[in-house]
Amino acid sequence: IPVRCLSRHSISDEMKAEIKDDSTSSEVASYLSSLEGVEMIEGDVTDRASIERLLEGCTALISVHGAPKPKNVLKSLIPFLSSEDEPTHSKMINFVGVNNIIEAANKEGSTVQRIVRITGKNETPFSLFSILINMFGNIAKGWNYEGDQLLWGKSSVPYTIIRPGVMCRAGVPAGKFRALVDNGYRFRKFCTLHSRINNTKKSQ
């Protein structure tokens, strides 16, 4: 299946044969561009025009973008010191970016048939974890929720929202383990083992 990826990083001329834990985003983009069937589009979710170029001829859109950690964490504690118009601000990434995706996917003539949004866990707004992320991440949880609200009420294209509890490359715990159950709003909550997912992939 041909895949087209949007990356805000320039593609490095030096292709990487593998992705390492310390690989930069630009190096990862270069590696992905070397794979068969993968096309890289330089752009940003805050730029609707680049999203429209990305979606030309596509039938499905998988959104895995998220707001980066603020360079100055202490500055994020004082809202008026962090401009919401900055391209890396949580509002621009988690809200404006999602809005751009929805509008591009719903544009007349669009071939997109499904939007898949992979995002963070949906803790209750008043949980300690949510409060800390909002304090040190330019209200990242709040703007993420607002972006979800846009999908729920604005998109005429069918969508799926996935909130994985844990994502990691190595050291996945085996056997049974505890998971935090939160309000989840409209989402069904369930737990599954990473090994079960791997076995499912192998059997397909």
N, C-alpha and C. Protein backbone atom coordinates (compact mmCIF):
# COMPACT_ATOMS: atom_id res chain seq x y z
N ILE A 1 0.85 -1.19 0.00
CA ILE A 1 0.00 0.00 0.00
C ILE A 1 0.89 1.24 0.00
N PRO A 2 0.78 2.09 -0.99
CA PRO A 2 1.57 3.33 -1.01
C PRO A 2 1.22 4.23 0.19
N VAL A 3 2.25 4.83 0.76
CA VAL A 3 2.06 5.69 1.93
C VAL A 3 2.72 7.04 1.68
N ARG A 4 2.03 8.10 2.07
CA ARG A 4 2.58 9.44 1.96
C ARG A 4 2.64 10.04 3.36
N CYS A 5 3.80 10.59 3.74
CA CYS A 5 4.00 11.11 5.10
C CYS A 5 4.28 12.61 5.07
N LEU A 6 3.73 13.32 6.05
CA LEU A 6 3.98 14.75 6.19
C LEU A 6 5.04 14.96 7.26
N SER A 7 6.07 15.71 6.94
CA SER A 7 7.15 15.98 7.90
C SER A 7 7.56 17.44 7.81
N ARG A 8 7.72 18.07 8.97
CA ARG A 8 8.14 19.47 8.96
C ARG A 8 9.66 19.58 8.82
N HIS A 9 10.34 18.43 8.89
CA HIS A 9 11.80 18.43 8.80
C HIS A 9 12.27 18.20 7.37
N SER A 10 13.34 18.88 6.99
CA SER A 10 13.93 18.65 5.69
C SER A 10 14.52 17.25 5.65
N ILE A 11 14.45 16.63 4.47
CA ILE A 11 14.95 15.27 4.32
C ILE A 11 16.46 15.31 4.14
N SER A 12 17.17 14.60 4.97
CA SER A 12 18.63 14.55 4.89
C SER A 12 19.06 13.76 3.66
N ASP A 13 20.14 14.21 3.02
CA ASP A 13 20.66 13.50 1.85
C ASP A 13 21.28 12.16 2.23
N GLU A 14 21.71 12.06 3.49
CA GLU A 14 22.35 10.82 3.95
C GLU A 14 21.28 9.87 4.49
N MET A 15 20.93 8.86 3.73
CA MET A 15 19.91 7.92 4.12
C MET A 15 20.40 7.02 5.25
N LYS A 16 19.54 6.74 6.20
CA LYS A 16 19.86 5.89 7.32
C LYS A 16 19.34 4.48 7.07
N ALA A 17 20.19 3.50 7.33
CA ALA A 17 19.78 2.11 7.12
C ALA A 17 18.88 1.60 8.23
N GLU A 18 18.88 2.30 9.35
CA GLU A 18 18.06 1.88 10.47
C GLU A 18 17.71 3.09 11.34
N ILE A 19 16.73 2.91 12.21
CA ILE A 19 16.34 3.97 13.13
C ILE A 19 16.85 3.59 14.51
N LYS A 20 17.60 4.47 15.13
CA LYS A 20 18.14 4.23 16.46
C LYS A 20 17.41 5.10 17.48
N ASP A 21 17.59 4.79 18.75
CA ASP A 21 16.91 5.54 19.81
C ASP A 21 17.30 7.01 19.79
N ASP A 22 18.53 7.31 19.33
CA ASP A 22 18.98 8.70 19.35
C ASP A 22 18.85 9.38 17.98
N SER A 23 18.13 8.74 17.06
CA SER A 23 17.95 9.34 15.73
C SER A 23 17.13 10.61 15.82
N THR A 24 17.52 11.62 15.07
CA THR A 24 16.75 12.86 15.03
C THR A 24 15.52 12.67 14.14
N SER A 25 14.57 13.59 14.25
CA SER A 25 13.37 13.50 13.43
C SER A 25 13.70 13.58 11.95
N SER A 26 14.70 14.38 11.60
CA SER A 26 15.12 14.50 10.21
C SER A 26 15.71 13.19 9.71
N GLU A 27 16.48 12.50 10.56
CA GLU A 27 17.06 11.22 10.18
C GLU A 27 15.98 10.15 10.02
N VAL A 28 14.98 10.19 10.89
CA VAL A 28 13.87 9.24 10.77
C VAL A 28 13.12 9.47 9.46
N ALA A 29 12.89 10.74 9.14
CA ALA A 29 12.20 11.08 7.89
C ALA A 29 13.01 10.59 6.69
N SER A 30 14.33 10.73 6.76
CA SER A 30 15.19 10.28 5.66
C SER A 30 15.10 8.77 5.50
N TYR A 31 15.10 8.06 6.62
CA TYR A 31 15.00 6.60 6.57
C TYR A 31 13.67 6.18 5.96
N LEU A 32 12.59 6.80 6.41
CA LEU A 32 11.27 6.44 5.90
C LEU A 32 11.16 6.70 4.40
N SER A 33 11.78 7.79 3.95
CA SER A 33 11.71 8.14 2.53
C SER A 33 12.45 7.14 1.66
N SER A 34 13.36 6.36 2.26
CA SER A 34 14.12 5.37 1.49
C SER A 34 13.35 4.06 1.33
N LEU A 35 12.24 3.90 2.05
CA LEU A 35 11.47 2.67 1.98
C LEU A 35 10.60 2.65 0.73
N GLU A 36 10.40 1.47 0.21
CA GLU A 36 9.59 1.32 -0.99
C GLU A 36 8.14 1.69 -0.71
N GLY A 37 7.57 2.49 -1.58
CA GLY A 37 6.16 2.86 -1.44
C GLY A 37 5.91 4.02 -0.50
N VAL A 38 6.98 4.66 0.01
CA VAL A 38 6.82 5.78 0.95
C VAL A 38 7.25 7.08 0.28
N GLU A 39 6.40 8.07 0.32
CA GLU A 39 6.69 9.39 -0.24
C GLU A 39 6.59 10.42 0.87
N MET A 40 7.62 11.25 1.01
CA MET A 40 7.64 12.27 2.05
C MET A 40 7.21 13.61 1.48
N ILE A 41 6.32 14.29 2.20
CA ILE A 41 5.87 15.63 1.83
C ILE A 41 6.31 16.58 2.94
N GLU A 42 7.11 17.58 2.58
CA GLU A 42 7.54 18.55 3.59
C GLU A 42 6.43 19.55 3.83
N GLY A 43 6.03 19.70 5.08
CA GLY A 43 4.94 20.61 5.42
C GLY A 43 4.68 20.59 6.90
N ASP A 44 3.48 21.00 7.30
CA ASP A 44 3.16 21.10 8.72
C ASP A 44 1.64 21.05 8.88
N VAL A 45 1.18 20.49 9.99
CA VAL A 45 -0.27 20.43 10.22
C VAL A 45 -0.87 21.82 10.38
N THR A 46 -0.04 22.80 10.71
CA THR A 46 -0.55 24.17 10.83
C THR A 46 -0.69 24.85 9.46
N ASP A 47 -0.25 24.18 8.41
CA ASP A 47 -0.32 24.71 7.04
C ASP A 47 -1.30 23.86 6.25
N ARG A 48 -2.51 24.37 6.06
CA ARG A 48 -3.55 23.58 5.41
C ARG A 48 -3.17 23.21 3.97
N ALA A 49 -2.47 24.08 3.28
CA ALA A 49 -2.10 23.82 1.89
C ALA A 49 -1.23 22.57 1.79
N SER A 50 -0.30 22.40 2.73
CA SER A 50 0.56 21.22 2.68
C SER A 50 -0.23 19.95 2.99
N ILE A 51 -1.25 20.07 3.84
CA ILE A 51 -2.10 18.91 4.14
C ILE A 51 -2.90 18.52 2.92
N GLU A 52 -3.38 19.51 2.19
CA GLU A 52 -4.14 19.21 0.97
C GLU A 52 -3.26 18.51 -0.06
N ARG A 53 -1.99 18.92 -0.17
CA ARG A 53 -1.06 18.23 -1.07
C ARG A 53 -0.85 16.79 -0.59
N LEU A 54 -0.75 16.63 0.71
CA LEU A 54 -0.53 15.31 1.30
C LEU A 54 -1.67 14.35 0.97
N LEU A 55 -2.89 14.86 1.00
CA LEU A 55 -4.07 14.00 0.87
C LEU A 55 -4.53 13.74 -0.56
N GLU A 56 -3.84 14.31 -1.53
CA GLU A 56 -4.25 14.11 -2.92
C GLU A 56 -4.23 12.62 -3.28
N GLY A 57 -5.41 12.07 -3.59
CA GLY A 57 -5.50 10.67 -3.98
C GLY A 57 -5.50 9.68 -2.83
N CYS A 58 -5.43 10.16 -1.58
CA CYS A 58 -5.37 9.26 -0.42
C CYS A 58 -6.79 8.86 0.02
N THR A 59 -6.93 7.63 0.51
CA THR A 59 -8.23 7.15 0.98
C THR A 59 -8.32 7.13 2.50
N ALA A 60 -7.18 7.18 3.18
CA ALA A 60 -7.19 7.16 4.64
C ALA A 60 -6.12 8.11 5.17
N LEU A 61 -6.41 8.73 6.29
CA LEU A 61 -5.48 9.65 6.92
C LEU A 61 -5.23 9.18 8.35
N ILE A 62 -3.96 8.94 8.69
CA ILE A 62 -3.60 8.55 10.05
C ILE A 62 -2.84 9.71 10.68
N SER A 63 -3.44 10.30 11.69
CA SER A 63 -2.86 11.47 12.36
C SER A 63 -2.18 11.05 13.66
N VAL A 64 -0.85 11.13 13.69
CA VAL A 64 -0.10 10.74 14.89
C VAL A 64 0.69 11.93 15.45
N HIS A 65 0.37 13.13 14.97
CA HIS A 65 1.13 14.29 15.42
C HIS A 65 0.73 14.70 16.84
N GLY A 66 1.63 15.41 17.49
CA GLY A 66 1.36 15.89 18.84
C GLY A 66 2.26 17.07 19.16
N ALA A 67 1.86 17.84 20.15
CA ALA A 67 2.63 19.02 20.53
C ALA A 67 3.94 18.61 21.19
N PRO A 68 5.05 19.24 20.80
CA PRO A 68 6.34 18.92 21.42
C PRO A 68 6.45 19.52 22.82
N LYS A 69 7.41 19.03 23.57
CA LYS A 69 7.67 19.58 24.90
C LYS A 69 8.19 21.01 24.76
N PRO A 70 7.62 21.96 25.51
CA PRO A 70 8.08 23.35 25.40
C PRO A 70 9.57 23.46 25.71
N LYS A 71 10.27 24.31 24.94
CA LYS A 71 11.69 24.50 25.18
C LYS A 71 11.94 25.14 26.54
N ASN A 72 11.04 26.03 26.93
CA ASN A 72 11.14 26.69 28.23
C ASN A 72 9.92 26.28 29.07
N VAL A 73 10.10 25.24 29.89
CA VAL A 73 8.97 24.70 30.67
C VAL A 73 8.44 25.73 31.66
N LEU A 74 9.34 26.47 32.29
CA LEU A 74 8.91 27.46 33.28
C LEU A 74 8.08 28.57 32.62
N LYS A 75 8.44 28.89 31.37
CA LYS A 75 7.71 29.93 30.64
C LYS A 75 6.27 29.50 30.37
N SER A 76 6.06 28.19 30.19
CA SER A 76 4.71 27.70 29.89
C SER A 76 3.78 27.82 31.10
N LEU A 77 4.35 28.04 32.28
CA LEU A 77 3.53 28.20 33.49
C LEU A 77 2.81 29.53 33.50
N ILE A 78 3.31 30.48 32.70
CA ILE A 78 2.70 31.82 32.65
C ILE A 78 2.13 31.99 31.24
N PRO A 79 0.84 31.76 31.05
CA PRO A 79 0.22 31.73 29.72
C PRO A 79 0.53 32.92 28.83
N PHE A 80 0.52 34.15 29.38
CA PHE A 80 0.71 35.31 28.51
C PHE A 80 2.14 35.44 27.99
N LEU A 81 3.07 34.61 28.51
CA LEU A 81 4.44 34.63 28.01
C LEU A 81 4.62 33.68 26.82
N SER A 82 3.65 32.80 26.59
CA SER A 82 3.72 31.84 25.49
C SER A 82 2.65 32.19 24.46
N SER A 83 3.08 32.65 23.31
CA SER A 83 2.14 33.04 22.26
C SER A 83 1.45 31.81 21.67
N GLU A 84 0.13 31.84 21.63
CA GLU A 84 -0.62 30.73 21.06
C GLU A 84 -0.46 30.65 19.55
N ASP A 85 0.12 31.68 18.93
CA ASP A 85 0.31 31.69 17.48
C ASP A 85 1.63 31.04 17.07
N GLU A 86 2.47 30.66 18.04
CA GLU A 86 3.73 30.00 17.70
C GLU A 86 3.42 28.63 17.08
N PRO A 87 4.12 28.25 16.00
CA PRO A 87 3.82 27.00 15.30
C PRO A 87 3.88 25.75 16.16
N THR A 88 4.68 25.79 17.25
CA THR A 88 4.82 24.60 18.10
C THR A 88 3.95 24.66 19.35
N HIS A 89 3.13 25.69 19.48
CA HIS A 89 2.27 25.79 20.66
C HIS A 89 1.20 24.70 20.60
N SER A 90 0.78 24.22 21.76
CA SER A 90 -0.21 23.14 21.83
C SER A 90 -1.50 23.49 21.09
N LYS A 91 -1.91 24.74 21.13
CA LYS A 91 -3.13 25.14 20.43
C LYS A 91 -2.97 24.94 18.92
N MET A 92 -1.81 25.34 18.38
CA MET A 92 -1.59 25.23 16.94
C MET A 92 -1.52 23.77 16.50
N ILE A 93 -0.91 22.93 17.31
CA ILE A 93 -0.73 21.52 16.95
C ILE A 93 -1.99 20.71 17.20
N ASN A 94 -2.51 20.78 18.42
CA ASN A 94 -3.61 19.90 18.82
C ASN A 94 -5.00 20.40 18.43
N PHE A 95 -5.12 21.67 18.12
CA PHE A 95 -6.43 22.23 17.77
C PHE A 95 -6.47 22.73 16.33
N VAL A 96 -5.63 23.72 16.01
CA VAL A 96 -5.61 24.27 14.65
C VAL A 96 -5.20 23.18 13.66
N GLY A 97 -4.20 22.36 14.03
CA GLY A 97 -3.75 21.28 13.15
C GLY A 97 -4.85 20.29 12.85
N VAL A 98 -5.59 19.88 13.88
CA VAL A 98 -6.70 18.94 13.69
C VAL A 98 -7.79 19.58 12.83
N ASN A 99 -8.05 20.86 13.06
CA ASN A 99 -9.06 21.57 12.24
C ASN A 99 -8.64 21.59 10.78
N ASN A 100 -7.36 21.82 10.51
CA ASN A 100 -6.86 21.82 9.13
C ASN A 100 -7.04 20.45 8.49
N ILE A 101 -6.78 19.40 9.26
CA ILE A 101 -6.93 18.03 8.76
C ILE A 101 -8.38 17.76 8.39
N ILE A 102 -9.28 18.15 9.28
CA ILE A 102 -10.71 17.92 9.04
C ILE A 102 -11.17 18.66 7.80
N GLU A 103 -10.79 19.93 7.68
CA GLU A 103 -11.24 20.72 6.53
C GLU A 103 -10.66 20.20 5.22
N ALA A 104 -9.40 19.76 5.24
CA ALA A 104 -8.79 19.23 4.03
C ALA A 104 -9.42 17.90 3.63
N ALA A 105 -9.71 17.06 4.63
CA ALA A 105 -10.31 15.74 4.35
C ALA A 105 -11.76 15.86 3.90
N ASN A 106 -12.45 16.91 4.35
CA ASN A 106 -13.85 17.11 3.99
C ASN A 106 -14.04 18.03 2.79
N LYS A 107 -12.93 18.48 2.22
CA LYS A 107 -12.99 19.38 1.07
C LYS A 107 -13.65 18.68 -0.12
N GLU A 108 -14.40 19.44 -0.90
CA GLU A 108 -15.05 18.88 -2.08
C GLU A 108 -14.01 18.27 -3.02
N GLY A 109 -14.24 17.05 -3.42
CA GLY A 109 -13.30 16.37 -4.29
C GLY A 109 -12.30 15.51 -3.55
N SER A 110 -12.29 15.59 -2.21
CA SER A 110 -11.37 14.79 -1.41
C SER A 110 -11.70 13.30 -1.54
N THR A 111 -10.67 12.47 -1.57
CA THR A 111 -10.86 11.02 -1.68
C THR A 111 -10.72 10.31 -0.33
N VAL A 112 -10.53 11.08 0.74
CA VAL A 112 -10.34 10.50 2.08
C VAL A 112 -11.65 9.87 2.57
N GLN A 113 -11.56 8.61 2.98
CA GLN A 113 -12.73 7.87 3.44
C GLN A 113 -12.71 7.62 4.96
N ARG A 114 -11.56 7.83 5.61
CA ARG A 114 -11.48 7.58 7.05
C ARG A 114 -10.35 8.41 7.64
N ILE A 115 -10.61 9.03 8.80
CA ILE A 115 -9.59 9.73 9.57
C ILE A 115 -9.32 8.91 10.83
N VAL A 116 -8.05 8.59 11.07
CA VAL A 116 -7.67 7.88 12.29
C VAL A 116 -6.77 8.81 13.10
N ARG A 117 -7.19 9.13 14.29
CA ARG A 117 -6.42 10.04 15.16
C ARG A 117 -5.87 9.23 16.33
N ILE A 118 -4.54 9.13 16.40
CA ILE A 118 -3.88 8.45 17.51
C ILE A 118 -3.33 9.52 18.44
N THR A 119 -3.80 9.51 19.67
CA THR A 119 -3.46 10.59 20.58
C THR A 119 -3.21 10.05 21.98
N GLY A 120 -3.13 10.94 22.95
CA GLY A 120 -2.82 10.54 24.31
C GLY A 120 -4.03 10.03 25.07
N LYS A 121 -3.78 9.54 26.28
CA LYS A 121 -4.86 9.04 27.12
C LYS A 121 -5.77 10.19 27.54
N ASN A 122 -7.03 9.87 27.77
CA ASN A 122 -8.04 10.90 28.05
C ASN A 122 -8.39 10.94 29.53
N GLU A 123 -7.39 11.33 30.36
CA GLU A 123 -7.67 11.43 31.79
C GLU A 123 -8.71 12.51 32.06
N THR A 124 -9.38 12.37 33.19
CA THR A 124 -10.31 13.41 33.59
C THR A 124 -9.56 14.74 33.71
N PRO A 125 -10.16 15.85 33.31
CA PRO A 125 -9.46 17.14 33.29
C PRO A 125 -8.89 17.56 34.64
N PHE A 126 -9.47 17.02 35.73
CA PHE A 126 -9.03 17.45 37.05
C PHE A 126 -8.12 16.43 37.73
N SER A 127 -7.63 15.44 36.98
CA SER A 127 -6.68 14.49 37.56
C SER A 127 -5.33 15.18 37.69
N LEU A 128 -4.51 14.70 38.60
CA LEU A 128 -3.19 15.30 38.82
C LEU A 128 -2.35 15.25 37.55
N PHE A 129 -2.42 14.13 36.83
CA PHE A 129 -1.64 13.98 35.61
C PHE A 129 -2.02 15.03 34.57
N SER A 130 -3.32 15.24 34.38
CA SER A 130 -3.79 16.23 33.41
C SER A 130 -3.37 17.64 33.81
N ILE A 131 -3.48 17.94 35.09
CA ILE A 131 -3.11 19.26 35.58
C ILE A 131 -1.63 19.54 35.33
N LEU A 132 -0.79 18.54 35.60
CA LEU A 132 0.66 18.72 35.40
C LEU A 132 1.00 18.93 33.93
N ILE A 133 0.38 18.13 33.05
CA ILE A 133 0.66 18.29 31.62
C ILE A 133 0.20 19.65 31.13
N ASN A 134 -0.97 20.08 31.60
CA ASN A 134 -1.47 21.39 31.19
C ASN A 134 -0.58 22.52 31.71
N MET A 135 -0.07 22.35 32.93
CA MET A 135 0.79 23.38 33.52
C MET A 135 2.11 23.52 32.77
N PHE A 136 2.74 22.38 32.45
CA PHE A 136 4.07 22.41 31.86
C PHE A 136 4.07 22.21 30.35
N GLY A 137 2.90 22.08 29.73
CA GLY A 137 2.85 21.82 28.29
C GLY A 137 1.93 22.74 27.53
N ASN A 138 1.78 23.98 27.99
CA ASN A 138 0.93 24.95 27.29
C ASN A 138 -0.49 24.43 27.07
N ILE A 139 -1.07 23.89 28.16
CA ILE A 139 -2.45 23.39 28.13
C ILE A 139 -2.61 22.31 27.04
N ALA A 140 -1.63 21.42 26.93
CA ALA A 140 -1.64 20.40 25.88
C ALA A 140 -2.87 19.50 25.98
N LYS A 141 -3.25 19.09 27.19
CA LYS A 141 -4.40 18.20 27.34
C LYS A 141 -5.69 18.92 26.96
N GLY A 142 -5.79 20.18 27.35
CA GLY A 142 -6.99 20.96 27.05
C GLY A 142 -7.19 21.14 25.55
N TRP A 143 -6.11 21.49 24.85
CA TRP A 143 -6.21 21.71 23.41
C TRP A 143 -6.39 20.38 22.68
N ASN A 144 -5.86 19.30 23.24
CA ASN A 144 -6.07 17.98 22.65
C ASN A 144 -7.55 17.61 22.71
N TYR A 145 -8.17 17.91 23.84
CA TYR A 145 -9.61 17.64 24.00
C TYR A 145 -10.42 18.48 23.03
N GLU A 146 -10.03 19.74 22.85
CA GLU A 146 -10.74 20.61 21.91
C GLU A 146 -10.63 20.08 20.48
N GLY A 147 -9.47 19.53 20.14
CA GLY A 147 -9.30 18.94 18.82
C GLY A 147 -10.22 17.74 18.62
N ASP A 148 -10.35 16.91 19.67
CA ASP A 148 -11.27 15.77 19.60
C ASP A 148 -12.71 16.23 19.41
N GLN A 149 -13.05 17.32 20.08
CA GLN A 149 -14.40 17.87 19.96
C GLN A 149 -14.70 18.25 18.50
N LEU A 150 -13.68 18.75 17.81
CA LEU A 150 -13.86 19.11 16.41
C LEU A 150 -14.20 17.87 15.59
N LEU A 151 -13.48 16.78 15.84
CA LEU A 151 -13.76 15.54 15.10
C LEU A 151 -15.17 15.05 15.37
N TRP A 152 -15.56 15.08 16.65
CA TRP A 152 -16.89 14.59 17.02
C TRP A 152 -18.00 15.38 16.34
N GLY A 153 -17.81 16.69 16.22
CA GLY A 153 -18.92 17.50 15.74
C GLY A 153 -18.80 18.09 14.36
N LYS A 154 -17.59 18.04 13.76
CA LYS A 154 -17.39 18.77 12.52
C LYS A 154 -17.13 17.90 11.30
N SER A 155 -16.56 16.73 11.50
CA SER A 155 -16.15 15.91 10.36
C SER A 155 -17.30 15.09 9.81
N SER A 156 -17.50 15.19 8.50
CA SER A 156 -18.48 14.33 7.83
C SER A 156 -17.82 13.04 7.34
N VAL A 157 -16.48 13.02 7.39
CA VAL A 157 -15.74 11.81 7.05
C VAL A 157 -15.69 10.91 8.28
N PRO A 158 -15.98 9.62 8.14
CA PRO A 158 -15.92 8.71 9.29
C PRO A 158 -14.54 8.77 9.96
N TYR A 159 -14.50 8.64 11.27
CA TYR A 159 -13.23 8.76 11.99
C TYR A 159 -13.13 7.72 13.10
N THR A 160 -11.90 7.47 13.51
CA THR A 160 -11.60 6.59 14.64
C THR A 160 -10.56 7.29 15.50
N ILE A 161 -10.79 7.33 16.80
CA ILE A 161 -9.81 7.92 17.73
C ILE A 161 -9.24 6.79 18.58
N ILE A 162 -7.91 6.64 18.55
CA ILE A 162 -7.23 5.59 19.32
C ILE A 162 -6.38 6.25 20.39
N ARG A 163 -6.52 5.76 21.63
CA ARG A 163 -5.75 6.29 22.75
C ARG A 163 -4.94 5.16 23.37
N PRO A 164 -3.76 4.84 22.83
CA PRO A 164 -2.96 3.76 23.40
C PRO A 164 -2.44 4.12 24.78
N GLY A 165 -2.54 3.20 25.71
CA GLY A 165 -2.07 3.46 27.07
C GLY A 165 -0.56 3.53 27.16
N VAL A 166 0.13 2.65 26.41
CA VAL A 166 1.59 2.59 26.44
C VAL A 166 2.11 2.37 25.04
N MET A 167 3.14 3.11 24.66
CA MET A 167 3.84 2.87 23.40
C MET A 167 5.33 2.94 23.68
N CYS A 168 6.06 1.87 23.35
CA CYS A 168 7.50 1.88 23.58
C CYS A 168 8.16 0.90 22.62
N ARG A 169 9.47 1.03 22.46
CA ARG A 169 10.20 0.18 21.53
C ARG A 169 10.69 -1.11 22.19
N ALA A 170 11.06 -1.03 23.46
CA ALA A 170 11.62 -2.19 24.13
C ALA A 170 11.18 -2.20 25.59
N GLY A 171 11.40 -3.32 26.25
CA GLY A 171 11.09 -3.41 27.67
C GLY A 171 9.61 -3.49 27.96
N VAL A 172 8.83 -4.06 27.02
CA VAL A 172 7.39 -4.18 27.24
C VAL A 172 7.13 -5.20 28.35
N PRO A 173 6.37 -4.85 29.39
CA PRO A 173 6.12 -5.79 30.48
C PRO A 173 5.35 -7.01 30.02
N ALA A 174 5.71 -8.17 30.56
CA ALA A 174 5.04 -9.42 30.21
C ALA A 174 4.01 -9.76 31.27
N GLY A 175 3.05 -10.62 30.92
CA GLY A 175 2.05 -11.04 31.88
C GLY A 175 1.03 -9.96 32.17
N LYS A 176 0.47 -10.00 33.38
CA LYS A 176 -0.56 -9.05 33.75
C LYS A 176 0.06 -7.79 34.35
N PHE A 177 -0.57 -6.65 34.10
CA PHE A 177 -0.13 -5.40 34.71
C PHE A 177 -1.32 -4.48 34.82
N ARG A 178 -1.20 -3.49 35.68
CA ARG A 178 -2.30 -2.58 35.95
C ARG A 178 -2.32 -1.43 34.94
N ALA A 179 -3.51 -0.97 34.62
CA ALA A 179 -3.67 0.17 33.71
C ALA A 179 -4.62 1.17 34.36
N LEU A 180 -4.37 2.43 34.12
CA LEU A 180 -5.21 3.48 34.68
C LEU A 180 -6.51 3.58 33.91
N VAL A 181 -7.62 3.49 34.61
CA VAL A 181 -8.94 3.64 33.99
C VAL A 181 -9.41 5.06 34.24
N ASP A 182 -9.76 5.77 33.18
CA ASP A 182 -10.19 7.16 33.32
C ASP A 182 -11.59 7.32 32.75
N ASN A 183 -12.03 8.56 32.64
CA ASN A 183 -13.40 8.76 32.19
C ASN A 183 -13.60 8.40 30.72
N GLY A 184 -12.60 8.66 29.86
CA GLY A 184 -12.67 8.22 28.48
C GLY A 184 -13.79 8.83 27.65
N TYR A 185 -14.66 9.56 28.28
CA TYR A 185 -15.80 10.20 27.61
C TYR A 185 -16.55 9.18 26.76
N ARG A 186 -16.54 9.33 25.42
CA ARG A 186 -17.35 8.47 24.57
C ARG A 186 -16.64 7.17 24.18
N PHE A 187 -15.40 7.00 24.63
CA PHE A 187 -14.63 5.87 24.16
C PHE A 187 -14.81 4.64 25.03
N ARG A 188 -14.83 3.47 24.39
CA ARG A 188 -14.84 2.22 25.12
C ARG A 188 -13.44 1.99 25.67
N LYS A 189 -13.34 1.51 26.90
CA LYS A 189 -12.04 1.27 27.52
C LYS A 189 -11.79 -0.23 27.58
N PHE A 190 -10.60 -0.64 27.18
CA PHE A 190 -10.25 -2.05 27.28
C PHE A 190 -8.73 -2.16 27.39
N CYS A 191 -8.27 -3.29 27.89
CA CYS A 191 -6.84 -3.55 28.03
C CYS A 191 -6.49 -4.79 27.23
N THR A 192 -5.31 -4.82 26.65
CA THR A 192 -4.82 -6.00 25.95
C THR A 192 -3.32 -6.07 26.11
N LEU A 193 -2.76 -7.24 25.98
CA LEU A 193 -1.32 -7.43 26.13
C LEU A 193 -0.62 -7.13 24.81
N HIS A 194 0.59 -6.57 24.92
CA HIS A 194 1.38 -6.26 23.74
C HIS A 194 1.67 -7.55 22.96
N SER A 195 1.91 -8.66 23.67
CA SER A 195 2.20 -9.93 23.02
C SER A 195 1.01 -10.42 22.19
N ARG A 196 -0.20 -10.11 22.67
CA ARG A 196 -1.39 -10.51 21.92
C ARG A 196 -1.49 -9.75 20.61
N ILE A 197 -1.11 -8.47 20.64
CA ILE A 197 -1.12 -7.68 19.42
C ILE A 197 -0.10 -8.22 18.43
N ASN A 198 1.10 -8.57 18.94
CA ASN A 198 2.14 -9.12 18.08
C ASN A 198 1.69 -10.42 17.43
N ASN A 199 1.04 -11.30 18.22
CA ASN A 199 0.57 -12.57 17.69
C ASN A 199 -0.48 -12.38 16.62
N THR A 200 -1.33 -11.35 16.81
CA THR A 200 -2.36 -11.05 15.83
C THR A 200 -1.73 -10.62 14.51
N LYS A 201 -0.68 -9.79 14.61
CA LYS A 201 -0.01 -9.32 13.40
C LYS A 201 0.64 -10.49 12.65
N LYS A 202 1.25 -11.45 13.40
CA LYS A 202 1.94 -12.56 12.78
C LYS A 202 0.98 -13.50 12.07
N SER A 203 -0.25 -13.60 12.59
CA SER A 203 -1.22 -14.53 12.02
C SER A 203 -1.91 -13.97 10.78
N GLN A 204 -1.77 -12.67 10.55
CA GLN A 204 -2.44 -12.04 9.40
C GLN A 204 -1.65 -12.27 8.11
